[in-house]
Amino acid sequence: QKEDIEVTLLPAGHCPGSVMFLFEGGNGTVLYTGDFRLAKGEAARMELLHSGTRVKDIQSVYLDTTFCDPKFYHIPSREECLNGILELVRSWTSLSHNHVVWLNCKAAYGYEYLFINLSEELGIKVHVNRLNMFRNMPEILYHVTTDRCTQIHACRHPR
């Protein structure tokens, strides 16, 4: 049996380009999140989740359950995490220009928010192996560098 459905992509906030899928059809509305990270109240501002002045009725939500465990009941906000990292990096890099930090980034993308905020708050650019991976994200290019003479490194193989 065929059914027409409308599929809407919503920003997931996980990493650049990450999306959630909103499926709407005659049998109801389903939201599939995959990996996502939204700040408190952010979903309320997503116009595509609303119909007129109210939130759309969503019958089912399929969400990433990586942290669906009682020991993860409190996941710190992005701001709390950033503030903790800033405090730690600032305390180390302020000791001398020879004190460096290496950020062990497990993925190629998804750390742009951290790099931008570290650079803005500390006035230190973040060393990365290549800039071309950020060519479609011009807002970060001022905050990263291939110059190894910096105190913060997010390169794959630090030296």
Protein backbone atom coordinates (compact mmCIF):
# COMPACT_ATOMS: atom_id res chain seq x y z
CA GLN A 1 0.00 0.00 0.00
CA LYS A 2 1.30 3.40 -0.97
CA GLU A 3 1.15 6.43 1.27
CA ASP A 4 2.33 9.95 0.68
CA ILE A 5 4.57 11.22 3.44
CA GLU A 6 6.33 14.49 4.03
CA VAL A 7 9.89 14.32 5.35
CA THR A 8 11.32 17.39 7.07
CA LEU A 9 14.97 17.67 8.08
CA LEU A 10 15.55 19.52 11.36
CA PRO A 11 18.91 20.63 12.76
CA ALA A 12 20.17 18.10 15.32
CA GLY A 13 22.95 20.21 16.80
CA HIS A 14 25.25 17.18 17.01
CA CYS A 15 27.82 18.29 14.44
CA PRO A 16 27.70 20.43 11.28
CA GLY A 17 25.09 19.04 8.93
CA SER A 18 23.52 16.64 11.45
CA VAL A 19 19.75 16.33 11.14
CA MET A 20 16.69 14.80 12.72
CA PHE A 21 13.92 13.48 10.47
CA LEU A 22 10.26 14.39 10.96
CA PHE A 23 8.00 12.00 9.00
CA GLU A 24 4.38 13.10 8.51
CA GLY A 25 1.73 11.02 6.80
CA GLY A 26 -1.80 9.71 7.02
CA ASN A 27 -0.83 7.29 9.78
CA GLY A 28 0.69 9.96 12.01
CA THR A 29 3.89 11.83 12.72
CA VAL A 30 7.22 10.29 13.72
CA LEU A 31 10.43 12.02 14.81
CA TYR A 32 13.73 10.17 14.34
CA THR A 33 16.56 11.91 16.16
CA GLY A 34 19.72 9.86 15.69
CA ASP A 35 22.55 11.62 17.54
CA PHE A 36 21.42 15.07 18.63
CA ARG A 37 22.33 17.78 21.10
CA LEU A 38 19.84 20.57 21.65
CA ALA A 39 19.99 23.23 24.32
CA LYS A 40 17.05 23.61 26.66
CA GLY A 41 14.24 25.41 24.83
CA GLU A 42 15.82 25.04 21.39
CA ALA A 43 13.18 22.62 20.11
CA ALA A 44 10.47 25.11 21.10
CA ARG A 45 12.01 27.60 18.65
CA MET A 46 11.97 25.18 15.69
CA GLU A 47 9.16 26.48 13.52
CA LEU A 48 8.98 23.24 11.52
CA LEU A 49 7.91 21.36 14.69
CA HIS A 50 4.89 23.62 14.99
CA SER A 51 1.56 23.81 13.23
CA GLY A 52 0.20 27.29 13.68
CA THR A 53 0.67 28.24 17.32
CA ARG A 54 1.02 24.73 18.73
CA VAL A 55 3.54 21.92 18.63
CA LYS A 56 2.71 19.18 16.12
CA ASP A 57 1.28 15.95 17.54
CA ILE A 58 4.08 13.39 17.34
CA GLN A 59 2.92 9.80 17.84
CA SER A 60 6.36 8.18 18.02
CA VAL A 61 9.90 9.34 18.73
CA TYR A 62 12.90 7.19 17.87
CA LEU A 63 15.89 8.57 19.67
CA ASP A 64 19.51 7.75 20.18
CA THR A 65 19.79 5.82 23.44
CA THR A 66 23.58 5.80 23.89
CA PHE A 67 23.12 7.43 27.29
CA CYS A 68 19.87 5.69 28.29
CA ASP A 69 21.38 4.43 31.53
CA PRO A 70 20.71 5.64 35.09
CA LYS A 71 24.33 6.70 35.54
CA PHE A 72 23.79 9.26 32.73
CA TYR A 73 20.66 10.90 34.16
CA HIS A 74 22.51 14.19 34.32
CA ILE A 75 24.31 15.07 31.14
CA PRO A 76 25.94 18.48 31.50
CA SER A 77 24.83 21.18 29.11
CA ARG A 78 27.10 22.26 26.31
CA GLU A 79 27.78 25.48 28.23
CA GLU A 80 28.74 23.58 31.41
CA CYS A 81 31.13 21.40 29.42
CA LEU A 82 32.64 24.40 27.67
CA ASN A 83 33.17 26.27 30.95
CA GLY A 84 34.92 23.25 32.49
CA ILE A 85 37.20 22.83 29.47
CA LEU A 86 37.94 26.58 29.37
CA GLU A 87 38.90 26.59 33.04
CA LEU A 88 41.17 23.58 32.63
CA VAL A 89 42.88 24.82 29.43
CA ARG A 90 43.25 28.36 30.82
CA SER A 91 44.83 27.09 34.04
CA TRP A 92 47.43 25.11 32.07
CA THR A 93 48.25 27.48 29.22
CA SER A 94 48.58 30.46 31.56
CA LEU A 95 51.54 28.83 33.36
CA SER A 96 53.92 29.62 30.47
CA HIS A 97 54.06 29.72 26.68
CA ASN A 98 55.66 26.27 26.80
CA HIS A 99 52.59 24.68 28.40
CA VAL A 100 50.48 23.17 25.61
CA VAL A 101 47.21 21.26 25.48
CA TRP A 102 46.34 18.48 23.07
CA LEU A 103 42.62 17.88 22.50
CA ASN A 104 42.19 14.21 21.67
CA CYS A 105 39.35 14.62 19.15
CA LYS A 106 37.99 11.22 18.17
CA ALA A 107 36.10 12.47 15.11
CA ALA A 108 37.04 14.85 12.31
CA TYR A 109 33.99 17.11 12.78
CA GLY A 110 31.83 18.19 15.68
CA TYR A 111 34.36 20.20 17.69
CA GLU A 112 33.90 23.52 15.89
CA TYR A 113 31.93 25.04 18.78
CA LEU A 114 34.76 24.17 21.18
CA PHE A 115 37.53 25.45 18.88
CA ILE A 116 35.77 28.77 18.28
CA ASN A 117 35.06 29.35 21.96
CA LEU A 118 38.56 28.36 23.13
CA SER A 119 40.09 30.70 20.56
CA GLU A 120 37.77 33.59 21.42
CA GLU A 121 38.07 33.23 25.20
CA LEU A 122 41.80 32.52 25.40
CA GLY A 123 43.08 34.36 22.33
CA ILE A 124 44.83 31.18 21.15
CA LYS A 125 44.23 29.57 17.77
CA VAL A 126 43.74 25.79 17.66
CA HIS A 127 46.24 23.78 15.61
CA VAL A 128 44.65 21.35 13.13
CA ASN A 129 46.32 19.22 10.46
CA ARG A 130 44.43 20.71 7.51
CA LEU A 131 42.23 23.74 6.95
CA ASN A 132 40.49 22.40 3.83
CA MET A 133 38.07 20.35 5.93
CA PHE A 134 36.63 23.66 7.19
CA ARG A 135 36.36 25.37 3.80
CA ASN A 136 32.54 25.27 3.96
CA MET A 137 32.55 26.66 7.51
CA PRO A 138 34.25 30.06 7.07
CA GLU A 139 33.27 31.22 10.57
CA ILE A 140 35.83 28.84 12.10
CA LEU A 141 38.80 29.67 9.86
CA TYR A 142 39.88 32.62 12.02
CA HIS A 143 40.11 30.29 15.05
CA VAL A 144 42.15 27.40 13.65
CA THR A 145 45.66 27.24 12.23
CA THR A 146 48.15 24.83 10.71
CA ASP A 147 50.95 26.66 12.53
CA ARG A 148 52.30 24.27 15.16
CA CYS A 149 53.58 27.15 17.30
CA THR A 150 50.37 27.47 19.31
CA GLN A 151 49.40 26.19 22.74
CA ILE A 152 46.25 24.28 21.78
CA HIS A 153 46.44 21.30 19.43
CA ALA A 154 43.62 19.28 17.92
CA CYS A 155 45.78 17.57 15.34
CA ARG A 156 45.71 13.82 14.76
CA HIS A 157 49.37 13.22 15.60
CA PRO A 158 50.77 15.79 18.02
CA ARG A 159 54.49 16.54 17.97
